Amino acid sequence: MPDLFHPLRPVMRRPRARRLGLALSLGAALLGGLPLAATAQSAPPTAPYAEAQRLIATGELALARQRLEQWLQERPTDPQARLLLGVVLANQGDADGARQVYESLTQTYPELPEPYNNLAVLHAAQGRLPEARAALESALRFNPDYATAHRNLGDVYARLALGHWQRALALQPDSPGLGERSRALRDLLGADAPR
């Protein structure tokens, strides 16, 4: 988890997501994209973000979840706390709970790219690459400069390409150069590449 606190690209990865090379965003800079009123209302100085991120980084997920849920009882619309709760749920193996949190965030704060990125990671981990692509394209519509979403979209496109190349090889095994391309991309993608 060395990339955890990189500005605007804070990353938390689930074990399967790590193998896929897709990054879950923690959203340390999440509030920067909100209207001023929402920022003032949702980020009081005693917000538990730093503590939650520390607890996530040290694997104390149950305690991080408890702190975030306590905070959200009084501030249910806090986008950063909700995003962090989604990360905790994903890391606890509750993909459905994390998905619900991220989908809710995309409805409440559609301009925030991080929930779309994290939805994409969940979709990709479940092999739903078209849904992952759509979520990442949504993230980039709202923030065309979001590097994590660009990186993840590239990974999704590479996996989609490999799937098509493998299908083409199955249909036409003597296709010139396609076997080499397919092997090179599979090697680049690593052990979790589609076979």
N, C-alpha and C. Protein backbone atom coordinates (compact mmCIF):
# COMPACT_ATOMS: atom_id res chain seq x y z
N MET A 1 0.81 -1.19 0.00
CA MET A 1 0.00 0.00 0.00
C MET A 1 0.85 1.26 0.00
N PRO A 2 1.96 1.31 -0.71
CA PRO A 2 2.83 2.47 -0.65
C PRO A 2 2.22 3.72 -1.27
N ASP A 3 1.26 3.61 -2.17
CA ASP A 3 0.69 4.77 -2.84
C ASP A 3 -0.49 5.37 -2.08
N LEU A 4 -0.71 4.96 -0.87
CA LEU A 4 -1.93 5.27 -0.14
C LEU A 4 -2.22 6.76 -0.05
N PHE A 5 -1.24 7.59 0.20
CA PHE A 5 -1.53 8.99 0.47
C PHE A 5 -1.03 9.94 -0.61
N HIS A 6 -0.79 9.47 -1.80
CA HIS A 6 -0.38 10.33 -2.91
C HIS A 6 -1.51 11.31 -3.21
N PRO A 7 -1.21 12.61 -3.31
CA PRO A 7 -2.27 13.60 -3.51
C PRO A 7 -3.06 13.33 -4.79
N LEU A 8 -4.33 13.44 -4.70
CA LEU A 8 -5.29 13.28 -5.79
C LEU A 8 -5.23 11.90 -6.43
N ARG A 9 -4.31 11.09 -6.03
CA ARG A 9 -4.25 9.74 -6.52
C ARG A 9 -4.02 8.78 -5.36
N PRO A 10 -4.63 9.08 -4.20
CA PRO A 10 -4.45 8.15 -3.10
C PRO A 10 -5.04 6.81 -3.48
N VAL A 11 -4.37 5.76 -3.16
CA VAL A 11 -4.75 4.46 -3.67
C VAL A 11 -4.89 3.46 -2.54
N MET A 12 -5.95 2.67 -2.63
CA MET A 12 -6.12 1.52 -1.73
C MET A 12 -6.51 0.38 -2.64
N ARG A 13 -5.82 -0.70 -2.55
CA ARG A 13 -6.11 -1.81 -3.45
C ARG A 13 -6.58 -3.02 -2.68
N ARG A 14 -7.57 -3.68 -3.24
CA ARG A 14 -7.98 -4.98 -2.73
C ARG A 14 -7.04 -6.00 -3.33
N PRO A 15 -6.92 -7.18 -2.74
CA PRO A 15 -6.02 -8.18 -3.29
C PRO A 15 -6.28 -8.47 -4.76
N ARG A 16 -7.52 -8.72 -5.17
CA ARG A 16 -7.81 -9.00 -6.58
C ARG A 16 -7.59 -7.75 -7.41
N ALA A 17 -7.98 -6.61 -6.90
CA ALA A 17 -7.79 -5.36 -7.64
C ALA A 17 -6.31 -5.11 -7.87
N ARG A 18 -5.46 -5.47 -6.90
CA ARG A 18 -4.02 -5.27 -7.08
C ARG A 18 -3.53 -6.11 -8.25
N ARG A 19 -3.99 -7.36 -8.32
CA ARG A 19 -3.56 -8.21 -9.43
C ARG A 19 -4.05 -7.66 -10.75
N LEU A 20 -5.21 -7.02 -10.76
CA LEU A 20 -5.71 -6.43 -11.98
C LEU A 20 -4.99 -5.13 -12.31
N GLY A 21 -4.27 -4.57 -11.36
CA GLY A 21 -3.56 -3.33 -11.58
C GLY A 21 -4.46 -2.11 -11.47
N LEU A 22 -5.67 -2.27 -10.99
CA LEU A 22 -6.59 -1.15 -10.88
C LEU A 22 -6.51 -0.58 -9.48
N ALA A 23 -6.64 0.73 -9.37
CA ALA A 23 -6.46 1.40 -8.09
C ALA A 23 -7.76 1.94 -7.54
N LEU A 24 -8.04 1.63 -6.29
CA LEU A 24 -9.17 2.24 -5.59
C LEU A 24 -8.73 3.59 -5.05
N SER A 25 -9.53 4.60 -5.25
CA SER A 25 -9.18 5.93 -4.76
C SER A 25 -9.71 6.15 -3.36
N LEU A 26 -8.86 6.69 -2.52
CA LEU A 26 -9.31 7.07 -1.19
C LEU A 26 -9.92 8.46 -1.20
N GLY A 27 -9.48 9.32 -2.09
CA GLY A 27 -10.10 10.64 -2.21
C GLY A 27 -9.64 11.64 -1.17
N ALA A 28 -8.36 11.72 -0.86
CA ALA A 28 -7.88 12.70 0.11
C ALA A 28 -8.16 14.11 -0.38
N ALA A 29 -8.15 14.33 -1.67
CA ALA A 29 -8.43 15.65 -2.21
C ALA A 29 -9.86 15.74 -2.72
N LEU A 30 -10.68 14.82 -2.31
CA LEU A 30 -12.05 14.71 -2.80
C LEU A 30 -12.83 16.00 -2.64
N LEU A 31 -12.70 16.67 -1.53
CA LEU A 31 -13.55 17.83 -1.27
C LEU A 31 -13.19 19.02 -2.13
N GLY A 32 -12.05 19.02 -2.78
CA GLY A 32 -11.66 20.14 -3.62
C GLY A 32 -12.61 20.38 -4.77
N GLY A 33 -13.30 19.35 -5.26
CA GLY A 33 -14.18 19.50 -6.40
C GLY A 33 -15.60 19.86 -6.03
N LEU A 34 -15.92 19.99 -4.75
CA LEU A 34 -17.29 20.27 -4.34
C LEU A 34 -17.55 21.76 -4.28
N PRO A 35 -18.82 22.14 -4.43
CA PRO A 35 -19.16 23.54 -4.22
C PRO A 35 -18.78 23.96 -2.81
N LEU A 36 -18.47 25.23 -2.63
CA LEU A 36 -18.00 25.73 -1.35
C LEU A 36 -18.94 25.39 -0.21
N ALA A 37 -20.24 25.50 -0.40
CA ALA A 37 -21.20 25.23 0.67
C ALA A 37 -21.11 23.77 1.13
N ALA A 38 -20.98 22.87 0.20
CA ALA A 38 -20.89 21.45 0.56
C ALA A 38 -19.58 21.17 1.28
N THR A 39 -18.52 21.84 0.88
CA THR A 39 -17.24 21.64 1.53
C THR A 39 -17.29 22.11 2.97
N ALA A 40 -17.83 23.29 3.20
CA ALA A 40 -17.89 23.83 4.55
C ALA A 40 -18.77 22.96 5.44
N GLN A 41 -19.84 22.46 4.91
CA GLN A 41 -20.78 21.67 5.70
C GLN A 41 -20.24 20.27 5.97
N SER A 42 -19.50 19.68 5.04
CA SER A 42 -19.17 18.27 5.17
C SER A 42 -17.77 17.99 5.68
N ALA A 43 -16.96 19.00 5.94
CA ALA A 43 -15.59 18.73 6.36
C ALA A 43 -15.18 19.57 7.57
N PRO A 44 -15.86 19.40 8.70
CA PRO A 44 -15.44 20.12 9.89
C PRO A 44 -14.03 19.68 10.29
N PRO A 45 -13.34 20.50 11.07
CA PRO A 45 -11.95 20.20 11.41
C PRO A 45 -11.76 18.88 12.16
N THR A 46 -12.79 18.37 12.81
CA THR A 46 -12.63 17.13 13.57
C THR A 46 -12.98 15.89 12.75
N ALA A 47 -13.12 16.04 11.46
CA ALA A 47 -13.46 14.91 10.59
C ALA A 47 -12.44 13.78 10.76
N PRO A 48 -12.89 12.53 10.70
CA PRO A 48 -12.04 11.38 10.99
C PRO A 48 -11.24 10.87 9.80
N TYR A 49 -11.04 11.68 8.76
CA TYR A 49 -10.42 11.17 7.53
C TYR A 49 -9.01 10.64 7.77
N ALA A 50 -8.17 11.44 8.42
CA ALA A 50 -6.78 11.02 8.62
C ALA A 50 -6.72 9.75 9.48
N GLU A 51 -7.53 9.72 10.53
CA GLU A 51 -7.54 8.53 11.38
C GLU A 51 -8.02 7.31 10.60
N ALA A 52 -9.08 7.49 9.81
CA ALA A 52 -9.60 6.37 9.01
C ALA A 52 -8.56 5.88 8.02
N GLN A 53 -7.86 6.81 7.36
CA GLN A 53 -6.83 6.42 6.40
C GLN A 53 -5.70 5.67 7.11
N ARG A 54 -5.32 6.13 8.30
CA ARG A 54 -4.27 5.45 9.06
C ARG A 54 -4.73 4.04 9.44
N LEU A 55 -5.97 3.92 9.90
CA LEU A 55 -6.50 2.61 10.28
C LEU A 55 -6.59 1.67 9.08
N ILE A 56 -6.98 2.20 7.94
CA ILE A 56 -7.03 1.39 6.71
C ILE A 56 -5.62 0.92 6.36
N ALA A 57 -4.66 1.84 6.43
CA ALA A 57 -3.28 1.50 6.06
C ALA A 57 -2.69 0.44 6.98
N THR A 58 -3.12 0.42 8.24
CA THR A 58 -2.58 -0.57 9.19
C THR A 58 -3.44 -1.82 9.27
N GLY A 59 -4.48 -1.88 8.45
CA GLY A 59 -5.32 -3.07 8.40
C GLY A 59 -6.37 -3.15 9.50
N GLU A 60 -6.57 -2.07 10.22
CA GLU A 60 -7.57 -2.05 11.28
C GLU A 60 -8.92 -1.62 10.69
N LEU A 61 -9.43 -2.46 9.82
CA LEU A 61 -10.61 -2.11 9.03
C LEU A 61 -11.87 -2.01 9.88
N ALA A 62 -12.04 -2.89 10.85
CA ALA A 62 -13.25 -2.85 11.68
C ALA A 62 -13.32 -1.54 12.46
N LEU A 63 -12.18 -1.10 12.98
CA LEU A 63 -12.16 0.15 13.73
C LEU A 63 -12.37 1.35 12.80
N ALA A 64 -11.77 1.31 11.62
CA ALA A 64 -11.99 2.39 10.65
C ALA A 64 -13.46 2.46 10.28
N ARG A 65 -14.06 1.31 10.05
CA ARG A 65 -15.48 1.27 9.71
C ARG A 65 -16.33 1.85 10.84
N GLN A 66 -16.01 1.45 12.06
CA GLN A 66 -16.77 1.95 13.22
C GLN A 66 -16.68 3.47 13.31
N ARG A 67 -15.48 4.02 13.17
CA ARG A 67 -15.29 5.48 13.26
C ARG A 67 -16.07 6.19 12.15
N LEU A 68 -15.97 5.66 10.94
CA LEU A 68 -16.66 6.30 9.82
C LEU A 68 -18.18 6.21 9.97
N GLU A 69 -18.68 5.05 10.39
CA GLU A 69 -20.12 4.91 10.57
C GLU A 69 -20.65 5.82 11.67
N GLN A 70 -19.87 5.99 12.75
CA GLN A 70 -20.26 6.93 13.81
C GLN A 70 -20.34 8.35 13.25
N TRP A 71 -19.33 8.72 12.49
CA TRP A 71 -19.28 10.06 11.89
C TRP A 71 -20.47 10.26 10.96
N LEU A 72 -20.76 9.25 10.16
CA LEU A 72 -21.83 9.37 9.17
C LEU A 72 -23.23 9.35 9.79
N GLN A 73 -23.37 8.89 11.00
CA GLN A 73 -24.67 8.95 11.66
C GLN A 73 -25.11 10.40 11.82
N GLU A 74 -24.17 11.28 12.10
CA GLU A 74 -24.48 12.70 12.26
C GLU A 74 -24.33 13.48 10.97
N ARG A 75 -23.55 12.98 10.04
CA ARG A 75 -23.27 13.69 8.78
C ARG A 75 -23.40 12.71 7.61
N PRO A 76 -24.62 12.26 7.33
CA PRO A 76 -24.81 11.18 6.34
C PRO A 76 -24.45 11.56 4.91
N THR A 77 -24.29 12.84 4.62
CA THR A 77 -23.98 13.23 3.25
C THR A 77 -22.49 13.52 3.04
N ASP A 78 -21.66 13.35 4.04
CA ASP A 78 -20.23 13.65 3.93
C ASP A 78 -19.61 12.75 2.85
N PRO A 79 -19.22 13.33 1.71
CA PRO A 79 -18.74 12.50 0.60
C PRO A 79 -17.42 11.80 0.88
N GLN A 80 -16.50 12.47 1.56
CA GLN A 80 -15.21 11.83 1.80
C GLN A 80 -15.34 10.67 2.78
N ALA A 81 -16.13 10.85 3.81
CA ALA A 81 -16.34 9.75 4.77
C ALA A 81 -17.05 8.59 4.09
N ARG A 82 -17.99 8.89 3.21
CA ARG A 82 -18.69 7.82 2.49
C ARG A 82 -17.74 7.08 1.57
N LEU A 83 -16.88 7.83 0.87
CA LEU A 83 -15.90 7.19 -0.01
C LEU A 83 -14.97 6.29 0.79
N LEU A 84 -14.48 6.78 1.92
CA LEU A 84 -13.60 5.97 2.77
C LEU A 84 -14.33 4.73 3.29
N LEU A 85 -15.60 4.88 3.63
CA LEU A 85 -16.38 3.72 4.07
C LEU A 85 -16.46 2.69 2.95
N GLY A 86 -16.65 3.14 1.73
CA GLY A 86 -16.66 2.21 0.59
C GLY A 86 -15.34 1.47 0.45
N VAL A 87 -14.23 2.18 0.66
CA VAL A 87 -12.91 1.54 0.59
C VAL A 87 -12.78 0.49 1.69
N VAL A 88 -13.23 0.83 2.90
CA VAL A 88 -13.19 -0.13 4.00
C VAL A 88 -14.01 -1.37 3.65
N LEU A 89 -15.24 -1.15 3.18
CA LEU A 89 -16.10 -2.28 2.84
C LEU A 89 -15.46 -3.16 1.77
N ALA A 90 -14.89 -2.53 0.74
CA ALA A 90 -14.24 -3.30 -0.33
C ALA A 90 -13.08 -4.12 0.24
N ASN A 91 -12.31 -3.52 1.12
CA ASN A 91 -11.18 -4.24 1.71
C ASN A 91 -11.60 -5.30 2.70
N GLN A 92 -12.81 -5.20 3.22
CA GLN A 92 -13.35 -6.25 4.09
C GLN A 92 -14.00 -7.37 3.29
N GLY A 93 -14.02 -7.23 1.97
CA GLY A 93 -14.62 -8.25 1.12
C GLY A 93 -16.10 -8.05 0.86
N ASP A 94 -16.65 -6.93 1.27
CA ASP A 94 -18.07 -6.63 1.07
C ASP A 94 -18.23 -5.80 -0.21
N ALA A 95 -18.04 -6.45 -1.35
CA ALA A 95 -18.11 -5.75 -2.63
C ALA A 95 -19.50 -5.15 -2.86
N ASP A 96 -20.55 -5.85 -2.46
CA ASP A 96 -21.90 -5.31 -2.64
C ASP A 96 -22.12 -4.05 -1.81
N GLY A 97 -21.66 -4.07 -0.57
CA GLY A 97 -21.79 -2.88 0.28
C GLY A 97 -21.00 -1.72 -0.28
N ALA A 98 -19.77 -1.99 -0.73
CA ALA A 98 -18.94 -0.93 -1.32
C ALA A 98 -19.60 -0.39 -2.59
N ARG A 99 -20.12 -1.29 -3.42
CA ARG A 99 -20.79 -0.86 -4.65
C ARG A 99 -21.96 0.06 -4.33
N GLN A 100 -22.75 -0.29 -3.32
CA GLN A 100 -23.89 0.55 -2.95
C GLN A 100 -23.44 1.93 -2.50
N VAL A 101 -22.35 1.99 -1.73
CA VAL A 101 -21.82 3.28 -1.29
C VAL A 101 -21.38 4.11 -2.50
N TYR A 102 -20.62 3.50 -3.41
CA TYR A 102 -20.12 4.24 -4.57
C TYR A 102 -21.25 4.67 -5.49
N GLU A 103 -22.22 3.79 -5.72
CA GLU A 103 -23.34 4.17 -6.58
C GLU A 103 -24.14 5.31 -5.96
N SER A 104 -24.33 5.26 -4.66
CA SER A 104 -25.02 6.34 -3.97
C SER A 104 -24.26 7.66 -4.12
N LEU A 105 -22.94 7.59 -4.01
CA LEU A 105 -22.13 8.80 -4.18
C LEU A 105 -22.24 9.36 -5.60
N THR A 106 -22.31 8.47 -6.61
CA THR A 106 -22.43 8.97 -7.98
C THR A 106 -23.78 9.64 -8.20
N GLN A 107 -24.78 9.25 -7.43
CA GLN A 107 -26.09 9.90 -7.54
C GLN A 107 -26.10 11.24 -6.80
N THR A 108 -25.51 11.27 -5.62
CA THR A 108 -25.52 12.48 -4.80
C THR A 108 -24.51 13.51 -5.29
N TYR A 109 -23.34 13.05 -5.68
CA TYR A 109 -22.25 13.93 -6.13
C TYR A 109 -21.74 13.42 -7.49
N PRO A 110 -22.53 13.57 -8.55
CA PRO A 110 -22.12 12.99 -9.84
C PRO A 110 -20.84 13.60 -10.41
N GLU A 111 -20.44 14.76 -9.90
CA GLU A 111 -19.25 15.42 -10.43
C GLU A 111 -17.94 14.85 -9.86
N LEU A 112 -18.03 13.99 -8.86
CA LEU A 112 -16.82 13.42 -8.25
C LEU A 112 -16.37 12.18 -9.02
N PRO A 113 -15.12 12.14 -9.49
CA PRO A 113 -14.67 11.00 -10.28
C PRO A 113 -14.30 9.77 -9.45
N GLU A 114 -13.90 9.95 -8.20
CA GLU A 114 -13.40 8.83 -7.40
C GLU A 114 -14.41 7.70 -7.21
N PRO A 115 -15.68 7.99 -6.93
CA PRO A 115 -16.62 6.87 -6.79
C PRO A 115 -16.77 6.06 -8.08
N TYR A 116 -16.73 6.73 -9.23
CA TYR A 116 -16.80 6.01 -10.51
C TYR A 116 -15.57 5.11 -10.67
N ASN A 117 -14.40 5.64 -10.33
CA ASN A 117 -13.18 4.86 -10.42
C ASN A 117 -13.28 3.61 -9.54
N ASN A 118 -13.75 3.79 -8.32
CA ASN A 118 -13.83 2.66 -7.40
C ASN A 118 -14.88 1.65 -7.83
N LEU A 119 -15.97 2.13 -8.41
CA LEU A 119 -16.96 1.21 -8.99
C LEU A 119 -16.31 0.39 -10.09
N ALA A 120 -15.50 1.04 -10.91
CA ALA A 120 -14.82 0.34 -12.01
C ALA A 120 -13.92 -0.76 -11.48
N VAL A 121 -13.21 -0.48 -10.39
CA VAL A 121 -12.33 -1.50 -9.82
C VAL A 121 -13.14 -2.71 -9.37
N LEU A 122 -14.28 -2.46 -8.74
CA LEU A 122 -15.14 -3.57 -8.31
C LEU A 122 -15.66 -4.36 -9.52
N HIS A 123 -16.10 -3.64 -10.56
CA HIS A 123 -16.59 -4.32 -11.77
C HIS A 123 -15.47 -5.17 -12.39
N ALA A 124 -14.29 -4.59 -12.52
CA ALA A 124 -13.18 -5.32 -13.15
C ALA A 124 -12.80 -6.55 -12.34
N ALA A 125 -12.80 -6.43 -11.02
CA ALA A 125 -12.46 -7.57 -10.17
C ALA A 125 -13.45 -8.71 -10.34
N GLN A 126 -14.67 -8.38 -10.76
CA GLN A 126 -15.70 -9.39 -10.99
C GLN A 126 -15.79 -9.78 -12.46
N GLY A 127 -14.82 -9.32 -13.27
CA GLY A 127 -14.77 -9.69 -14.67
C GLY A 127 -15.75 -8.92 -15.55
N ARG A 128 -16.37 -7.88 -15.03
CA ARG A 128 -17.34 -7.09 -15.80
C ARG A 128 -16.63 -5.88 -16.41
N LEU A 129 -15.82 -6.16 -17.42
CA LEU A 129 -14.99 -5.12 -18.02
C LEU A 129 -15.79 -4.04 -18.75
N PRO A 130 -16.87 -4.35 -19.47
CA PRO A 130 -17.64 -3.27 -20.10
C PRO A 130 -18.21 -2.29 -19.06
N GLU A 131 -18.67 -2.80 -17.92
CA GLU A 131 -19.18 -1.92 -16.87
C GLU A 131 -18.04 -1.10 -16.26
N ALA A 132 -16.87 -1.71 -16.12
CA ALA A 132 -15.71 -0.98 -15.60
C ALA A 132 -15.34 0.15 -16.55
N ARG A 133 -15.34 -0.15 -17.85
CA ARG A 133 -15.03 0.88 -18.84
C ARG A 133 -16.02 2.03 -18.75
N ALA A 134 -17.30 1.73 -18.66
CA ALA A 134 -18.32 2.78 -18.60
C ALA A 134 -18.14 3.65 -17.35
N ALA A 135 -17.83 3.03 -16.22
CA ALA A 135 -17.63 3.80 -14.99
C ALA A 135 -16.41 4.72 -15.11
N LEU A 136 -15.33 4.21 -15.70
CA LEU A 136 -14.13 5.03 -15.86
C LEU A 136 -14.36 6.16 -16.85
N GLU A 137 -15.12 5.90 -17.90
CA GLU A 137 -15.44 6.97 -18.84
C GLU A 137 -16.27 8.06 -18.16
N SER A 138 -17.15 7.67 -17.24
CA SER A 138 -17.91 8.66 -16.47
C SER A 138 -16.97 9.49 -15.60
N ALA A 139 -16.03 8.83 -14.93
CA ALA A 139 -15.06 9.55 -14.10
C ALA A 139 -14.32 10.60 -14.93
N LEU A 140 -13.92 10.21 -16.13
CA LEU A 140 -13.13 11.11 -16.97
C LEU A 140 -13.98 12.21 -17.61
N ARG A 141 -15.28 12.00 -17.74
CA ARG A 141 -16.15 13.08 -18.20
C ARG A 141 -16.15 14.22 -17.19
N PHE A 142 -16.12 13.86 -15.91
CA PHE A 142 -16.15 14.88 -14.86
C PHE A 142 -14.78 15.44 -14.53
N ASN A 143 -13.74 14.66 -14.75
CA ASN A 143 -12.38 15.14 -14.50
C ASN A 143 -11.45 14.52 -15.54
N PRO A 144 -11.29 15.18 -16.69
CA PRO A 144 -10.46 14.63 -17.76
C PRO A 144 -8.98 14.48 -17.38
N ASP A 145 -8.56 15.11 -16.29
CA ASP A 145 -7.17 15.04 -15.86
C ASP A 145 -6.94 14.06 -14.72
N TYR A 146 -7.88 13.18 -14.47
CA TYR A 146 -7.79 12.22 -13.36
C TYR A 146 -6.91 11.05 -13.80
N ALA A 147 -5.65 11.10 -13.39
CA ALA A 147 -4.64 10.14 -13.86
C ALA A 147 -4.98 8.69 -13.49
N THR A 148 -5.48 8.45 -12.30
CA THR A 148 -5.81 7.08 -11.88
C THR A 148 -6.85 6.47 -12.80
N ALA A 149 -7.86 7.25 -13.16
CA ALA A 149 -8.90 6.74 -14.06
C ALA A 149 -8.32 6.46 -15.45
N HIS A 150 -7.41 7.32 -15.92
CA HIS A 150 -6.77 7.06 -17.22
C HIS A 150 -5.97 5.76 -17.16
N ARG A 151 -5.20 5.58 -16.09
CA ARG A 151 -4.40 4.35 -15.95
C ARG A 151 -5.31 3.13 -15.90
N ASN A 152 -6.37 3.21 -15.09
CA ASN A 152 -7.27 2.07 -14.97
C ASN A 152 -8.01 1.79 -16.28
N LEU A 153 -8.40 2.85 -17.00
CA LEU A 153 -9.07 2.66 -18.28
C LEU A 153 -8.13 1.99 -19.28
N GLY A 154 -6.86 2.37 -19.26
CA GLY A 154 -5.88 1.70 -20.11
C GLY A 154 -5.77 0.22 -19.80
N ASP A 155 -5.77 -0.12 -18.51
CA ASP A 155 -5.73 -1.53 -18.10
C ASP A 155 -6.97 -2.28 -18.56
N VAL A 156 -8.13 -1.65 -18.44
CA VAL A 156 -9.37 -2.29 -18.87
C VAL A 156 -9.35 -2.50 -20.38
N TYR A 157 -8.94 -1.48 -21.14
CA TYR A 157 -8.86 -1.63 -22.60
C TYR A 157 -7.88 -2.73 -22.98
N ALA A 158 -6.76 -2.84 -22.27
CA ALA A 158 -5.79 -3.89 -22.58
C ALA A 158 -6.40 -5.27 -22.36
N ARG A 159 -7.15 -5.44 -21.28
CA ARG A 159 -7.80 -6.73 -21.01
C ARG A 159 -8.89 -7.03 -22.04
N LEU A 160 -9.62 -6.00 -22.42
CA LEU A 160 -10.63 -6.19 -23.46
C LEU A 160 -9.96 -6.58 -24.78
N ALA A 161 -8.87 -5.90 -25.12
CA ALA A 161 -8.15 -6.21 -26.36
C ALA A 161 -7.64 -7.65 -26.34
N LEU A 162 -7.08 -8.06 -25.22
CA LEU A 162 -6.56 -9.42 -25.13
C LEU A 162 -7.68 -10.44 -25.32
N GLY A 163 -8.83 -10.18 -24.74
CA GLY A 163 -9.96 -11.09 -24.92
C GLY A 163 -10.36 -11.20 -26.38
N HIS A 164 -10.37 -10.07 -27.10
CA HIS A 164 -10.72 -10.10 -28.52
C HIS A 164 -9.64 -10.79 -29.34
N TRP A 165 -8.38 -10.54 -29.02
CA TRP A 165 -7.31 -11.20 -29.76
C TRP A 165 -7.36 -12.72 -29.54
N GLN A 166 -7.64 -13.13 -28.33
CA GLN A 166 -7.73 -14.57 -28.07
C GLN A 166 -8.91 -15.19 -28.81
N ARG A 167 -10.00 -14.47 -28.88
CA ARG A 167 -11.16 -14.97 -29.63
C ARG A 167 -10.82 -15.06 -31.12
N ALA A 168 -10.14 -14.04 -31.64
CA ALA A 168 -9.73 -14.06 -33.05
C ALA A 168 -8.80 -15.23 -33.33
N LEU A 169 -7.88 -15.51 -32.42
CA LEU A 169 -6.98 -16.65 -32.59
C LEU A 169 -7.72 -17.98 -32.57
N ALA A 170 -8.74 -18.07 -31.73
CA ALA A 170 -9.54 -19.30 -31.69
C ALA A 170 -10.28 -19.50 -33.00
N LEU A 171 -10.71 -18.41 -33.61
CA LEU A 171 -11.45 -18.49 -34.88
C LEU A 171 -10.52 -18.65 -36.07
N GLN A 172 -9.33 -18.05 -35.98
CA GLN A 172 -8.38 -18.09 -37.09
C GLN A 172 -6.97 -18.25 -36.52
N PRO A 173 -6.59 -19.49 -36.16
CA PRO A 173 -5.31 -19.74 -35.48
C PRO A 173 -4.08 -19.32 -36.27
N ASP A 174 -4.18 -19.25 -37.59
CA ASP A 174 -3.01 -18.91 -38.40
C ASP A 174 -2.93 -17.42 -38.72
N SER A 175 -3.65 -16.59 -37.99
CA SER A 175 -3.63 -15.15 -38.22
C SER A 175 -2.22 -14.61 -37.97
N PRO A 176 -1.61 -13.97 -38.98
CA PRO A 176 -0.21 -13.52 -38.86
C PRO A 176 -0.02 -12.49 -37.74
N GLY A 177 0.93 -12.77 -36.86
CA GLY A 177 1.33 -11.83 -35.82
C GLY A 177 0.42 -11.75 -34.61
N LEU A 178 -0.78 -12.30 -34.72
CA LEU A 178 -1.73 -12.15 -33.62
C LEU A 178 -1.33 -12.96 -32.40
N GLY A 179 -0.77 -14.12 -32.61
CA GLY A 179 -0.31 -14.94 -31.48
C GLY A 179 0.78 -14.24 -30.69
N GLU A 180 1.73 -13.62 -31.42
CA GLU A 180 2.81 -12.90 -30.75
C GLU A 180 2.27 -11.69 -29.98
N ARG A 181 1.37 -10.95 -30.60
CA ARG A 181 0.77 -9.79 -29.92
C ARG A 181 0.02 -10.22 -28.67
N SER A 182 -0.74 -11.29 -28.81
CA SER A 182 -1.52 -11.78 -27.68
C SER A 182 -0.61 -12.21 -26.53
N ARG A 183 0.45 -12.94 -26.85
CA ARG A 183 1.40 -13.37 -25.81
C ARG A 183 2.09 -12.17 -25.16
N ALA A 184 2.49 -11.20 -25.96
CA ALA A 184 3.17 -10.02 -25.41
C ALA A 184 2.26 -9.25 -24.46
N LEU A 185 1.01 -9.08 -24.86
CA LEU A 185 0.07 -8.36 -23.99
C LEU A 185 -0.24 -9.17 -22.74
N ARG A 186 -0.38 -10.47 -22.88
CA ARG A 186 -0.63 -11.32 -21.71
C ARG A 186 0.55 -11.23 -20.74
N ASP A 187 1.78 -11.23 -21.28
CA ASP A 187 2.96 -11.09 -20.42
C ASP A 187 2.98 -9.73 -19.73
N LEU A 188 2.59 -8.70 -20.45
CA LEU A 188 2.55 -7.35 -19.88
C LEU A 188 1.51 -7.26 -18.77
N LEU A 189 0.36 -7.89 -18.98
CA LEU A 189 -0.71 -7.83 -17.98
C LEU A 189 -0.41 -8.69 -16.77
N GLY A 190 0.42 -9.69 -16.92
CA GLY A 190 0.80 -10.51 -15.77
C GLY A 190 -0.09 -11.71 -15.55
N ALA A 191 0.02 -12.24 -14.35
CA ALA A 191 -0.61 -13.52 -14.00
C ALA A 191 -2.13 -13.47 -14.06
N ASP A 192 -2.72 -12.31 -13.90
CA ASP A 192 -4.18 -12.24 -13.85
C ASP A 192 -4.80 -11.98 -15.23
N ALA A 193 -3.97 -12.00 -16.27
CA ALA A 193 -4.49 -11.76 -17.62
C ALA A 193 -5.45 -12.88 -18.01
N PRO A 194 -6.49 -12.56 -18.78
CA PRO A 194 -7.41 -13.60 -19.25
C PRO A 194 -6.65 -14.64 -20.05
N ARG A 195 -7.01 -15.88 -19.87
CA ARG A 195 -6.35 -16.98 -20.60
C ARG A 195 -7.29 -17.54 -21.63
